N, C-alpha and C. Protein backbone atom coordinates (compact mmCIF):
# COMPACT_ATOMS: atom_id res chain seq x y z
N MET A 1 -29.47 24.91 -32.73
CA MET A 1 -29.79 23.90 -31.41
C MET A 1 -28.26 23.54 -30.80
N LYS A 2 -27.39 23.20 -31.61
CA LYS A 2 -26.10 22.63 -31.07
C LYS A 2 -25.50 23.68 -30.55
N THR A 3 -25.48 25.13 -31.03
CA THR A 3 -24.94 26.06 -30.35
C THR A 3 -25.37 26.34 -28.82
N ILE A 4 -26.58 26.27 -28.79
CA ILE A 4 -27.27 26.25 -27.48
C ILE A 4 -27.00 25.39 -26.17
N LEU A 5 -26.92 23.91 -26.99
CA LEU A 5 -26.44 22.85 -25.97
C LEU A 5 -24.88 23.24 -25.42
N ARG A 6 -24.28 23.45 -26.72
CA ARG A 6 -22.68 23.86 -26.21
C ARG A 6 -22.48 24.65 -25.02
N ARG A 7 -23.36 25.87 -25.57
CA ARG A 7 -23.29 27.03 -24.36
C ARG A 7 -23.71 26.58 -23.18
N PHE A 8 -24.78 25.64 -23.13
CA PHE A 8 -25.52 25.11 -21.75
C PHE A 8 -24.50 24.19 -21.21
N ALA A 9 -23.69 23.51 -21.78
CA ALA A 9 -22.43 22.31 -21.17
C ALA A 9 -21.65 23.26 -20.72
N VAL A 10 -21.02 24.06 -21.37
CA VAL A 10 -19.92 25.23 -20.79
C VAL A 10 -20.32 25.77 -19.87
N ALA A 11 -21.70 26.47 -19.77
CA ALA A 11 -21.62 26.97 -18.53
C ALA A 11 -22.05 26.06 -17.36
N ILE A 12 -22.35 24.88 -17.42
CA ILE A 12 -22.61 24.00 -16.44
C ILE A 12 -21.10 23.66 -15.88
N ALA A 13 -20.28 23.38 -16.79
CA ALA A 13 -18.87 22.86 -16.37
C ALA A 13 -18.11 24.19 -15.58
N LEU A 14 -18.38 25.62 -16.20
CA LEU A 14 -17.67 26.46 -15.48
C LEU A 14 -18.52 26.90 -14.01
N GLY A 15 -19.61 26.58 -14.14
CA GLY A 15 -20.21 26.76 -12.84
C GLY A 15 -19.82 25.97 -11.60
N TRP A 16 -19.62 24.53 -12.03
CA TRP A 16 -18.97 23.42 -11.36
C TRP A 16 -17.57 23.60 -11.08
N LEU A 17 -16.71 24.42 -12.12
CA LEU A 17 -15.47 24.60 -11.57
C LEU A 17 -15.30 25.77 -10.67
N VAL A 18 -16.12 26.70 -10.75
CA VAL A 18 -16.03 27.67 -9.72
C VAL A 18 -16.56 27.32 -8.38
N TRP A 19 -17.47 26.58 -8.37
CA TRP A 19 -17.94 25.75 -7.13
C TRP A 19 -17.08 25.04 -6.52
N HIS A 20 -16.20 24.18 -7.18
CA HIS A 20 -15.03 23.26 -7.00
C HIS A 20 -13.88 24.09 -6.24
N VAL A 21 -13.49 25.10 -6.82
CA VAL A 21 -12.54 25.94 -6.33
C VAL A 21 -12.95 26.62 -5.18
N LEU A 22 -14.09 27.10 -4.99
CA LEU A 22 -14.53 27.95 -3.81
C LEU A 22 -14.61 26.70 -2.80
N ALA A 23 -15.38 25.61 -3.07
CA ALA A 23 -15.68 24.75 -2.04
C ALA A 23 -13.92 24.38 -1.44
N ILE A 24 -13.09 23.89 -2.37
CA ILE A 24 -11.82 23.81 -1.70
C ILE A 24 -11.13 24.97 -1.01
N LEU A 25 -11.47 26.03 -1.27
CA LEU A 25 -10.79 27.32 -0.75
C LEU A 25 -11.49 27.32 0.82
N LEU A 26 -12.82 27.25 0.91
CA LEU A 26 -13.68 27.35 2.20
C LEU A 26 -13.27 26.15 3.05
N HIS A 27 -13.12 24.98 2.51
CA HIS A 27 -12.80 24.09 3.32
C HIS A 27 -11.25 24.08 3.88
N GLN A 28 -10.28 24.45 3.29
CA GLN A 28 -9.05 24.63 3.68
C GLN A 28 -8.83 25.79 4.39
N GLY A 29 -9.65 26.74 4.10
CA GLY A 29 -9.40 28.06 4.72
C GLY A 29 -9.61 28.34 6.15
N PRO A 30 -9.40 29.51 7.00
CA PRO A 30 -9.57 29.45 8.15
C PRO A 30 -11.17 30.09 8.43
N ALA A 31 -11.77 29.92 9.57
CA ALA A 31 -12.94 30.29 10.00
C ALA A 31 -13.29 31.77 9.39
N ASN A 32 -14.48 31.86 8.51
CA ASN A 32 -15.16 33.19 8.37
C ASN A 32 -16.51 32.92 7.94
N PRO A 33 -17.26 34.16 7.95
CA PRO A 33 -18.79 34.12 8.00
C PRO A 33 -19.18 33.37 6.92
N LEU A 34 -18.40 33.28 5.35
CA LEU A 34 -18.78 32.63 4.39
C LEU A 34 -18.92 30.92 4.74
N LYS A 35 -17.73 30.58 5.36
CA LYS A 35 -17.45 29.31 5.57
C LYS A 35 -18.52 28.85 6.55
N SER A 36 -18.94 29.82 7.31
CA SER A 36 -19.95 29.14 8.60
C SER A 36 -21.32 29.18 7.76
N ALA A 37 -21.56 29.96 6.88
CA ALA A 37 -22.77 29.81 5.95
C ALA A 37 -22.80 28.67 5.18
N ALA A 38 -21.78 28.30 4.64
CA ALA A 38 -21.86 27.24 3.48
C ALA A 38 -21.18 25.96 4.07
N GLY A 39 -20.68 25.76 5.31
CA GLY A 39 -20.09 24.96 5.74
C GLY A 39 -20.69 23.52 5.70
N GLY A 40 -22.06 23.46 5.69
CA GLY A 40 -22.70 22.10 5.64
C GLY A 40 -22.64 21.67 4.37
N ALA A 41 -22.76 22.43 3.17
CA ALA A 41 -22.78 22.41 1.89
C ALA A 41 -21.16 21.74 1.26
N VAL A 42 -20.46 22.53 1.99
CA VAL A 42 -18.87 22.24 1.54
C VAL A 42 -18.48 21.05 1.99
N LYS A 43 -18.94 20.52 3.21
CA LYS A 43 -18.73 19.31 3.68
C LYS A 43 -19.11 18.16 3.19
N ARG A 44 -20.64 18.34 2.77
CA ARG A 44 -21.13 17.20 2.00
C ARG A 44 -20.52 17.15 0.55
N TYR A 45 -19.87 18.08 -0.10
CA TYR A 45 -19.34 17.88 -1.44
C TYR A 45 -17.92 17.36 -1.32
N VAL A 46 -16.91 18.10 -0.28
CA VAL A 46 -15.68 17.67 -0.12
C VAL A 46 -15.39 16.29 0.36
N HIS A 47 -16.12 15.68 1.33
CA HIS A 47 -15.70 14.61 2.11
C HIS A 47 -16.18 13.32 1.43
N PRO A 48 -17.45 13.27 0.76
CA PRO A 48 -17.60 12.02 -0.18
C PRO A 48 -16.50 11.91 -1.43
N ALA A 49 -16.10 13.12 -1.84
CA ALA A 49 -15.29 13.05 -3.05
C ALA A 49 -13.90 12.72 -2.83
N LEU A 50 -13.55 12.29 -1.47
CA LEU A 50 -12.01 11.72 -1.15
C LEU A 50 -11.31 12.91 -1.45
N ILE A 51 -11.47 14.19 -1.27
CA ILE A 51 -10.55 15.31 -1.49
C ILE A 51 -10.39 16.14 -0.21
N ASP A 52 -10.76 15.40 1.06
CA ASP A 52 -10.67 15.93 2.17
C ASP A 52 -9.00 15.88 2.75
N GLN A 53 -8.16 16.29 1.90
CA GLN A 53 -6.76 16.33 2.35
C GLN A 53 -6.20 17.76 2.58
N ARG A 54 -5.49 17.97 4.05
CA ARG A 54 -4.98 19.17 4.31
C ARG A 54 -3.34 19.16 4.26
N PHE A 55 -2.67 20.06 4.50
CA PHE A 55 -1.44 20.26 4.02
C PHE A 55 -0.67 19.08 4.88
N SER A 56 -0.98 18.61 6.07
CA SER A 56 -0.12 17.49 6.61
C SER A 56 -0.23 16.32 6.03
N MET A 57 -0.81 16.26 4.89
CA MET A 57 -0.60 15.15 4.05
C MET A 57 0.53 15.40 3.26
N PHE A 58 0.97 16.53 2.69
CA PHE A 58 2.12 16.93 1.83
C PHE A 58 3.28 17.06 2.58
N ALA A 59 2.91 17.57 3.96
CA ALA A 59 4.19 17.95 4.74
C ALA A 59 3.65 17.42 6.10
N PRO A 60 4.13 16.22 6.09
CA PRO A 60 3.78 15.27 7.56
C PRO A 60 4.66 15.59 8.79
N GLU A 61 4.23 15.57 9.86
CA GLU A 61 4.95 15.72 11.11
C GLU A 61 5.98 14.88 10.93
N PRO A 62 7.46 15.47 11.25
CA PRO A 62 8.39 14.71 11.23
C PRO A 62 8.61 13.54 12.28
N SER A 63 9.38 12.55 12.36
CA SER A 63 9.51 11.67 13.41
C SER A 63 10.53 12.39 14.35
N THR A 64 9.86 12.15 15.90
CA THR A 64 10.57 12.59 16.76
C THR A 64 11.35 11.83 17.53
N SER A 65 11.54 10.55 17.17
CA SER A 65 12.19 9.53 17.98
C SER A 65 12.31 8.43 16.94
N SER A 66 13.62 7.43 17.09
CA SER A 66 13.84 6.16 16.31
C SER A 66 13.63 5.22 17.49
N LEU A 67 12.94 4.17 17.25
CA LEU A 67 12.48 3.11 18.19
C LEU A 67 13.57 1.99 17.81
N LYS A 68 13.99 1.32 18.96
CA LYS A 68 15.19 0.43 18.77
C LYS A 68 14.87 -0.56 19.73
N PHE A 69 15.05 -2.08 19.34
CA PHE A 69 14.56 -3.11 20.16
C PHE A 69 16.01 -3.76 20.41
N LEU A 70 16.68 -3.88 21.57
CA LEU A 70 18.12 -4.31 21.70
C LEU A 70 17.91 -5.55 22.35
N TYR A 71 19.08 -6.35 22.29
CA TYR A 71 18.91 -7.64 23.17
C TYR A 71 20.25 -7.97 23.25
N ARG A 72 20.61 -8.99 24.56
CA ARG A 72 21.94 -9.21 24.70
C ARG A 72 21.76 -10.58 25.29
N TYR A 73 22.74 -11.36 25.60
CA TYR A 73 22.60 -12.98 25.91
C TYR A 73 23.75 -13.18 26.71
N GLU A 74 23.56 -14.21 27.74
CA GLU A 74 24.81 -14.87 28.57
C GLU A 74 24.77 -16.06 27.96
N VAL A 75 26.17 -16.45 27.96
CA VAL A 75 26.64 -18.00 27.55
C VAL A 75 27.13 -18.75 28.92
N GLU A 76 27.15 -19.87 28.51
CA GLU A 76 27.78 -20.69 29.94
C GLU A 76 29.08 -20.05 30.18
N GLY A 77 29.02 -20.03 31.57
CA GLY A 77 30.25 -19.25 32.32
C GLY A 77 30.12 -17.92 32.79
N GLY A 78 28.69 -17.42 32.26
CA GLY A 78 28.61 -16.22 33.06
C GLY A 78 28.83 -14.94 32.28
N ALA A 79 29.49 -15.12 30.93
CA ALA A 79 29.57 -13.90 30.28
C ALA A 79 28.56 -13.38 29.48
N TRP A 80 28.30 -12.17 29.43
CA TRP A 80 27.18 -11.62 28.52
C TRP A 80 27.63 -10.82 27.19
N SER A 81 26.99 -10.89 26.41
CA SER A 81 27.52 -10.32 25.10
C SER A 81 27.11 -8.91 25.23
N SER A 82 27.66 -8.18 24.28
CA SER A 82 27.03 -6.60 24.13
C SER A 82 25.96 -6.41 23.65
N TRP A 83 25.21 -5.37 23.89
CA TRP A 83 23.68 -5.18 23.27
C TRP A 83 23.82 -5.09 21.62
N ARG A 84 22.92 -5.95 20.94
CA ARG A 84 22.58 -5.99 19.61
C ARG A 84 21.19 -5.58 19.39
N ASP A 85 21.42 -4.89 17.94
CA ASP A 85 20.09 -4.39 17.46
C ASP A 85 19.93 -5.02 16.06
N ALA A 86 19.10 -5.95 16.44
CA ALA A 86 18.64 -7.00 15.26
C ALA A 86 17.74 -6.19 14.01
N GLY A 87 17.20 -5.05 14.36
CA GLY A 87 16.62 -4.03 13.66
C GLY A 87 17.25 -3.47 12.58
N ALA A 88 18.76 -3.18 12.83
CA ALA A 88 19.52 -2.45 12.06
C ALA A 88 19.92 -2.85 10.68
N GLY A 89 19.93 -4.29 10.39
CA GLY A 89 19.92 -4.92 9.25
C GLY A 89 18.83 -4.67 8.57
N LEU A 90 17.77 -4.87 9.03
CA LEU A 90 16.19 -5.03 8.43
C LEU A 90 16.02 -3.55 7.89
N LEU A 91 16.30 -2.32 9.00
CA LEU A 91 16.30 -1.15 8.39
C LEU A 91 17.13 -0.65 7.31
N ALA A 92 18.48 -1.24 7.32
CA ALA A 92 19.28 -1.00 6.05
C ALA A 92 18.83 -1.49 4.53
N ASP A 93 18.42 -2.75 4.89
CA ASP A 93 17.64 -3.51 3.87
C ASP A 93 16.42 -2.74 3.08
N HIS A 94 15.87 -2.28 4.30
CA HIS A 94 14.45 -1.49 3.81
C HIS A 94 14.84 -0.18 2.79
N GLN A 95 15.93 0.46 3.39
CA GLN A 95 16.24 1.76 2.86
C GLN A 95 16.66 1.58 1.73
N ALA A 96 17.48 0.32 1.33
CA ALA A 96 18.28 0.17 0.00
C ALA A 96 17.17 -0.21 -1.03
N ASN A 97 15.92 -0.77 -0.55
CA ASN A 97 14.99 -1.24 -1.49
C ASN A 97 13.57 -1.13 -0.87
N ARG A 98 12.87 0.05 -1.18
CA ARG A 98 11.52 0.29 -0.59
C ARG A 98 10.51 -0.76 -0.91
N PHE A 99 10.48 -1.46 -1.93
CA PHE A 99 9.68 -2.48 -2.45
C PHE A 99 10.16 -3.82 -2.10
N SER A 100 10.78 -3.97 -1.35
CA SER A 100 11.22 -5.55 -0.77
C SER A 100 10.08 -5.57 0.59
N PRO A 101 10.06 -6.87 1.11
CA PRO A 101 9.13 -7.17 2.34
C PRO A 101 9.98 -6.70 3.51
N LYS A 102 11.22 -6.22 3.48
CA LYS A 102 12.05 -6.00 4.77
C LYS A 102 11.20 -4.95 5.52
N GLY A 103 10.68 -3.94 4.96
CA GLY A 103 9.80 -2.77 5.70
C GLY A 103 8.86 -3.62 6.56
N HIS A 104 8.07 -4.57 6.11
CA HIS A 104 7.16 -5.21 6.99
C HIS A 104 7.73 -6.02 8.02
N LEU A 105 8.78 -6.56 7.91
CA LEU A 105 9.51 -7.35 8.96
C LEU A 105 10.34 -6.45 10.00
N LEU A 106 10.63 -5.20 9.52
CA LEU A 106 11.15 -4.16 10.44
C LEU A 106 9.95 -3.74 11.25
N TRP A 107 8.44 -3.68 10.90
CA TRP A 107 7.31 -3.16 11.27
C TRP A 107 7.07 -4.19 12.54
N MET A 108 7.25 -5.62 12.16
CA MET A 108 6.72 -6.61 13.01
C MET A 108 7.93 -6.87 14.14
N HIS A 109 9.23 -6.50 13.93
CA HIS A 109 10.30 -6.54 14.93
C HIS A 109 10.09 -5.39 16.01
N GLN A 110 9.55 -3.97 15.40
CA GLN A 110 9.33 -3.09 16.37
C GLN A 110 8.08 -3.29 17.27
N GLY A 111 7.29 -3.97 16.60
CA GLY A 111 5.90 -4.34 17.13
C GLY A 111 6.19 -5.03 18.22
N VAL A 112 6.96 -5.99 18.36
CA VAL A 112 7.43 -6.62 19.62
C VAL A 112 7.79 -5.89 20.73
N ALA A 113 8.54 -4.88 20.50
CA ALA A 113 9.02 -3.95 21.66
C ALA A 113 7.80 -3.14 21.97
N ARG A 114 7.05 -2.57 21.33
CA ARG A 114 5.67 -1.77 21.35
C ARG A 114 4.77 -2.32 22.25
N ASN A 115 4.21 -3.37 21.74
CA ASN A 115 3.42 -4.43 22.70
C ASN A 115 4.09 -4.78 24.03
N LEU A 116 5.08 -4.87 24.17
CA LEU A 116 5.73 -5.21 25.59
C LEU A 116 5.63 -3.82 26.42
N VAL A 117 5.91 -2.63 25.98
CA VAL A 117 5.75 -1.47 26.59
C VAL A 117 4.30 -1.23 26.85
N ARG A 118 3.09 -1.37 25.83
CA ARG A 118 1.99 -1.29 26.33
C ARG A 118 1.57 -2.03 27.45
N GLN A 119 1.90 -3.49 27.32
CA GLN A 119 1.40 -4.43 28.32
C GLN A 119 1.91 -3.99 29.55
N MET A 120 3.29 -3.58 29.68
CA MET A 120 3.75 -3.25 30.82
C MET A 120 3.14 -1.85 31.65
N ALA A 121 2.80 -1.13 30.77
CA ALA A 121 2.11 0.22 31.27
C ALA A 121 0.51 -0.28 31.87
N GLU A 122 -0.12 -1.08 31.01
CA GLU A 122 -1.44 -1.72 31.73
C GLU A 122 -1.15 -2.58 32.95
N ILE A 123 -0.18 -3.36 33.10
CA ILE A 123 -0.07 -4.01 34.31
C ILE A 123 0.25 -3.11 35.41
N ASP A 124 1.16 -2.13 35.20
CA ASP A 124 1.40 -1.01 36.23
C ASP A 124 0.44 -0.46 36.76
N ALA A 125 -0.41 0.33 35.63
CA ALA A 125 -1.74 0.79 36.05
C ALA A 125 -2.76 0.10 36.85
N ALA A 126 -2.64 -1.26 36.84
CA ALA A 126 -3.63 -2.10 37.59
C ALA A 126 -2.95 -2.34 39.03
N LEU A 127 -1.61 -2.16 39.32
CA LEU A 127 -1.04 -2.35 40.63
C LEU A 127 -1.50 -1.46 41.70
N PRO A 128 -1.83 -1.94 42.66
CA PRO A 128 -2.24 -0.87 43.79
C PRO A 128 -1.30 0.17 44.11
N ALA A 129 -1.81 1.14 44.20
CA ALA A 129 -0.94 2.45 44.52
C ALA A 129 -0.03 2.43 45.70
N ALA A 130 -0.29 1.58 46.61
CA ALA A 130 0.37 1.53 47.96
C ALA A 130 1.35 0.66 47.69
N LEU A 131 1.57 -0.30 46.52
CA LEU A 131 2.90 -0.98 46.31
C LEU A 131 3.83 -0.01 45.48
N ARG A 132 5.07 0.14 46.30
CA ARG A 132 6.01 0.98 45.58
C ARG A 132 7.24 0.41 45.73
N GLY A 133 8.14 1.06 45.06
CA GLY A 133 9.60 0.69 45.19
C GLY A 133 10.10 -0.68 44.54
N PRO A 134 11.06 -1.37 45.16
CA PRO A 134 11.47 -2.63 44.44
C PRO A 134 10.39 -3.84 44.70
N PRO A 135 9.45 -3.76 45.64
CA PRO A 135 8.32 -4.72 45.64
C PRO A 135 7.43 -4.44 44.31
N ARG A 136 7.02 -3.46 44.03
CA ARG A 136 6.40 -2.96 42.83
C ARG A 136 6.92 -3.48 41.72
N THR A 137 8.19 -3.03 41.50
CA THR A 137 8.99 -3.57 40.36
C THR A 137 8.99 -5.17 40.17
N ARG A 138 9.40 -5.68 41.20
CA ARG A 138 8.98 -7.45 41.29
C ARG A 138 7.78 -7.96 40.78
N GLU A 139 6.71 -7.23 41.26
CA GLU A 139 5.44 -7.69 40.91
C GLU A 139 5.40 -7.41 39.44
N LEU A 140 5.67 -6.13 38.88
CA LEU A 140 5.24 -5.80 37.68
C LEU A 140 6.14 -6.62 36.89
N HIS A 141 7.30 -7.21 37.18
CA HIS A 141 8.06 -8.15 36.38
C HIS A 141 7.47 -9.50 36.26
N ARG A 142 6.93 -9.77 37.25
CA ARG A 142 6.39 -11.20 37.51
C ARG A 142 5.12 -11.44 36.73
N ARG A 143 4.39 -10.15 36.80
CA ARG A 143 3.13 -10.46 35.73
C ARG A 143 3.49 -10.30 34.41
N LEU A 144 4.35 -9.49 34.03
CA LEU A 144 4.59 -9.26 32.78
C LEU A 144 5.32 -10.42 32.09
N MET A 145 6.07 -11.34 32.84
CA MET A 145 6.71 -12.55 32.37
C MET A 145 5.64 -13.60 32.25
N GLU A 146 4.33 -13.43 32.72
CA GLU A 146 3.37 -14.46 32.42
C GLU A 146 2.40 -14.13 31.27
N THR A 147 2.67 -12.89 30.43
CA THR A 147 1.70 -12.55 29.15
C THR A 147 2.16 -13.20 27.96
N PRO A 148 1.33 -13.45 27.13
CA PRO A 148 1.77 -13.91 25.88
C PRO A 148 2.84 -12.88 25.25
N ASP A 149 2.55 -11.63 25.24
CA ASP A 149 3.75 -10.56 24.59
C ASP A 149 5.12 -10.97 25.03
N TYR A 150 5.29 -11.22 26.49
CA TYR A 150 6.74 -11.52 26.92
C TYR A 150 7.18 -12.81 26.57
N ALA A 151 6.25 -13.90 26.22
CA ALA A 151 6.76 -15.22 25.82
C ALA A 151 7.20 -15.05 24.26
N LEU A 152 6.41 -14.25 23.56
CA LEU A 152 6.73 -14.04 22.15
C LEU A 152 8.13 -13.47 22.28
N ALA A 153 8.29 -12.36 22.84
CA ALA A 153 9.53 -11.82 22.82
C ALA A 153 10.54 -12.40 23.29
N ARG A 154 10.65 -13.29 24.29
CA ARG A 154 11.46 -14.27 24.78
C ARG A 154 12.14 -14.96 23.72
N ARG A 155 10.97 -15.75 22.86
CA ARG A 155 11.28 -16.89 21.98
C ARG A 155 12.22 -16.23 20.75
N TYR A 156 11.49 -14.90 20.39
CA TYR A 156 12.07 -14.37 19.31
C TYR A 156 13.64 -14.11 19.52
N VAL A 157 13.88 -13.22 20.86
CA VAL A 157 15.28 -13.08 21.27
C VAL A 157 16.04 -14.38 21.26
N SER A 158 15.47 -15.42 21.89
CA SER A 158 16.15 -16.66 22.06
C SER A 158 16.84 -17.12 20.70
N ASP A 159 15.90 -17.05 19.60
CA ASP A 159 16.45 -17.47 18.31
C ASP A 159 17.67 -16.70 17.88
N LEU A 160 17.30 -15.35 18.01
CA LEU A 160 18.39 -14.29 17.84
C LEU A 160 19.61 -14.45 18.11
N ALA A 161 19.44 -14.60 19.57
CA ALA A 161 20.92 -14.87 20.42
C ALA A 161 21.46 -16.26 19.99
N ARG A 162 20.58 -17.37 19.84
CA ARG A 162 21.47 -18.69 19.36
C ARG A 162 22.10 -18.42 17.88
N ASP A 163 21.56 -17.83 17.11
CA ASP A 163 22.21 -17.55 15.70
C ASP A 163 23.26 -16.90 15.92
N GLU A 164 23.16 -15.67 16.60
CA GLU A 164 24.51 -14.83 17.00
C GLU A 164 25.45 -15.62 17.49
N ALA A 165 25.41 -16.49 18.49
CA ALA A 165 26.41 -17.14 19.14
C ALA A 165 26.96 -18.25 18.40
N ARG A 166 26.14 -18.75 17.55
CA ARG A 166 26.59 -19.97 16.43
C ARG A 166 27.65 -19.16 15.57
N ARG A 167 27.31 -17.94 15.06
CA ARG A 167 28.38 -17.20 13.93
C ARG A 167 29.53 -16.80 14.72
N SER A 168 29.27 -16.31 16.01
CA SER A 168 30.54 -15.76 16.77
C SER A 168 31.32 -16.60 17.31
N GLY A 169 30.91 -18.09 17.48
CA GLY A 169 31.86 -19.19 18.02
C GLY A 169 31.66 -19.27 19.53
N GLY A 170 30.44 -18.57 19.95
CA GLY A 170 30.30 -18.51 21.56
C GLY A 170 29.70 -19.81 21.92
N GLY A 171 29.67 -19.83 23.41
CA GLY A 171 29.18 -21.41 23.69
C GLY A 171 27.50 -21.17 23.70
N PRO A 172 27.07 -22.38 24.27
CA PRO A 172 25.60 -22.45 24.45
C PRO A 172 24.95 -21.00 25.33
N VAL A 173 23.82 -20.68 24.65
CA VAL A 173 23.23 -19.44 25.29
C VAL A 173 22.43 -19.93 26.42
N CYS A 174 22.64 -19.14 27.39
CA CYS A 174 21.60 -19.70 28.92
C CYS A 174 20.63 -18.82 29.00
N ARG A 175 20.93 -17.30 29.29
CA ARG A 175 19.91 -16.36 29.58
C ARG A 175 19.67 -15.38 28.38
N VAL A 176 18.59 -14.77 28.28
CA VAL A 176 18.53 -13.47 27.53
C VAL A 176 17.96 -12.30 28.06
N GLU A 177 18.24 -11.12 27.60
CA GLU A 177 17.52 -9.80 28.17
C GLU A 177 17.33 -8.94 26.86
N PHE A 178 16.60 -8.17 27.07
CA PHE A 178 16.04 -7.08 26.09
C PHE A 178 15.30 -5.82 26.51
N LEU A 179 15.65 -4.89 25.80
CA LEU A 179 14.90 -3.57 26.11
C LEU A 179 14.51 -2.64 24.95
N TYR A 180 13.56 -1.85 25.37
CA TYR A 180 12.95 -0.79 24.37
C TYR A 180 13.99 0.51 24.61
N ALA A 181 14.31 0.90 23.45
CA ALA A 181 14.84 2.23 23.54
C ALA A 181 14.30 3.37 22.41
N ALA A 182 14.07 4.16 22.82
CA ALA A 182 13.42 5.56 21.94
C ALA A 182 14.58 6.48 21.93
N VAL A 183 15.23 6.83 20.82
CA VAL A 183 16.25 7.68 20.44
C VAL A 183 15.54 8.98 20.14
N ALA A 184 15.48 10.18 20.61
CA ALA A 184 14.86 11.24 20.39
C ALA A 184 15.88 11.76 19.09
N CYS A 185 15.01 12.39 18.03
CA CYS A 185 15.92 13.00 17.08
C CYS A 185 16.07 14.47 17.48
N VAL A 186 17.33 15.03 17.18
CA VAL A 186 17.80 16.44 17.32
C VAL A 186 17.05 17.35 16.43
N PRO A 187 16.40 18.16 16.82
CA PRO A 187 15.79 18.93 15.64
C PRO A 187 16.76 19.79 14.88
N PHE A 188 16.56 19.87 13.70
CA PHE A 188 17.09 20.41 12.57
C PHE A 188 17.96 21.51 12.84
N SER A 189 17.21 22.46 13.53
CA SER A 189 17.71 23.93 13.73
C SER A 189 18.84 23.89 14.82
N GLN A 190 19.13 22.58 15.50
CA GLN A 190 19.91 22.39 16.84
C GLN A 190 21.07 21.56 16.25
N ARG A 191 20.93 20.87 15.14
CA ARG A 191 21.95 20.16 14.91
C ARG A 191 23.41 20.70 14.55
N SER A 192 23.69 21.85 14.39
CA SER A 192 24.81 22.46 14.18
C SER A 192 25.31 23.09 15.51
N GLN A 193 24.43 22.93 16.56
CA GLN A 193 25.13 23.31 17.86
C GLN A 193 26.08 22.56 18.21
N PRO A 194 27.07 22.87 19.04
CA PRO A 194 28.17 21.77 19.42
C PRO A 194 27.60 21.01 20.72
N ASP A 195 26.61 21.41 21.48
CA ASP A 195 26.09 20.67 22.63
C ASP A 195 24.93 19.98 22.31
N ALA A 196 24.60 19.75 20.89
CA ALA A 196 23.29 19.06 20.60
C ALA A 196 23.83 17.59 20.85
N ALA A 197 22.68 16.78 21.28
CA ALA A 197 22.99 15.43 21.75
C ALA A 197 21.42 14.89 21.74
N GLN A 198 21.55 13.57 21.16
CA GLN A 198 20.43 12.80 21.14
C GLN A 198 20.10 12.22 22.31
N ARG A 199 18.63 12.40 22.85
CA ARG A 199 18.47 11.88 24.16
C ARG A 199 17.68 10.59 24.10
N VAL A 200 18.04 9.80 24.91
CA VAL A 200 17.67 8.01 24.95
C VAL A 200 16.97 7.80 26.08
N GLU A 201 15.61 7.31 25.76
CA GLU A 201 14.75 7.00 26.79
C GLU A 201 14.64 5.46 26.49
N TYR A 202 14.70 4.52 27.64
CA TYR A 202 14.78 3.00 27.58
C TYR A 202 13.97 2.39 28.59
N VAL A 203 13.48 1.29 28.39
CA VAL A 203 12.64 0.51 29.01
C VAL A 203 13.34 -0.95 29.21
N LYS A 204 14.13 -1.48 30.26
CA LYS A 204 14.60 -2.79 30.21
C LYS A 204 13.71 -3.76 30.91
N PHE A 205 13.45 -4.92 30.14
CA PHE A 205 12.43 -5.84 30.52
C PHE A 205 13.22 -7.06 31.29
N PRO A 206 12.59 -7.76 32.24
CA PRO A 206 13.41 -8.91 32.94
C PRO A 206 14.25 -9.86 32.20
N ALA A 207 15.08 -10.04 32.58
CA ALA A 207 16.03 -11.12 31.80
C ALA A 207 15.41 -12.52 32.19
N ALA A 208 15.62 -13.58 31.09
CA ALA A 208 14.79 -14.87 31.41
C ALA A 208 15.84 -15.95 30.75
N SER A 209 15.45 -17.26 31.28
CA SER A 209 16.17 -18.44 30.58
C SER A 209 15.71 -18.42 29.25
N VAL A 210 16.89 -18.79 28.38
CA VAL A 210 16.76 -18.98 26.98
C VAL A 210 15.66 -19.85 26.53
N PHE A 211 14.73 -19.51 25.52
CA PHE A 211 13.58 -20.40 25.13
C PHE A 211 14.20 -21.75 24.40
N PRO A 212 13.76 -22.95 24.94
CA PRO A 212 14.28 -24.11 24.20
C PRO A 212 14.11 -24.15 22.66
N GLY A 213 15.19 -24.46 22.03
CA GLY A 213 15.37 -24.61 20.42
C GLY A 213 16.28 -25.30 19.88
N PRO A 214 16.40 -25.27 18.79
CA PRO A 214 17.75 -26.13 18.09
C PRO A 214 19.08 -25.43 18.47
């Protein structure tokens, strides 16, 4: 009796193993008559079992650009600072220790820029098509500066500018300006070419007076 039960258990295990391998092969493989015939059963087995993973999970699409959120500030007397990258330090800290919270801070830092770009695109799409040139740009900037996303970016950059000015021994900060820059990555196959260069696309946001603070 025990031998029969053992053989029965082995037969079930082998049958499941064959079905499992076949289902994965059919699910991952290209279209074919067998896959079309058994497609429903394969999906009902693969999806609930949380094994619906394609090769993109193990070889993801590489990044195509690096996002930068740059700022600069004007001090009393009209002198502007050079452009600063507040995310550079966060990125270096994150790459040095992937278990630190700096990665989340970097994501929040970049999110300020992403939200501004999204907000600007929505405002631009809502403007009349007949409004063109400098008048359109002025209206776009006016509406953008009234949004909570712009107010958040202005306050964030104002704090960064004040800290930077104190460390550098500069005067009081009067105005701030910030921009979104997407630095395109050079494909690996082109990096050895002498004329290979990174392409930079940027969106400059309107300058504003510094947000009141200590």
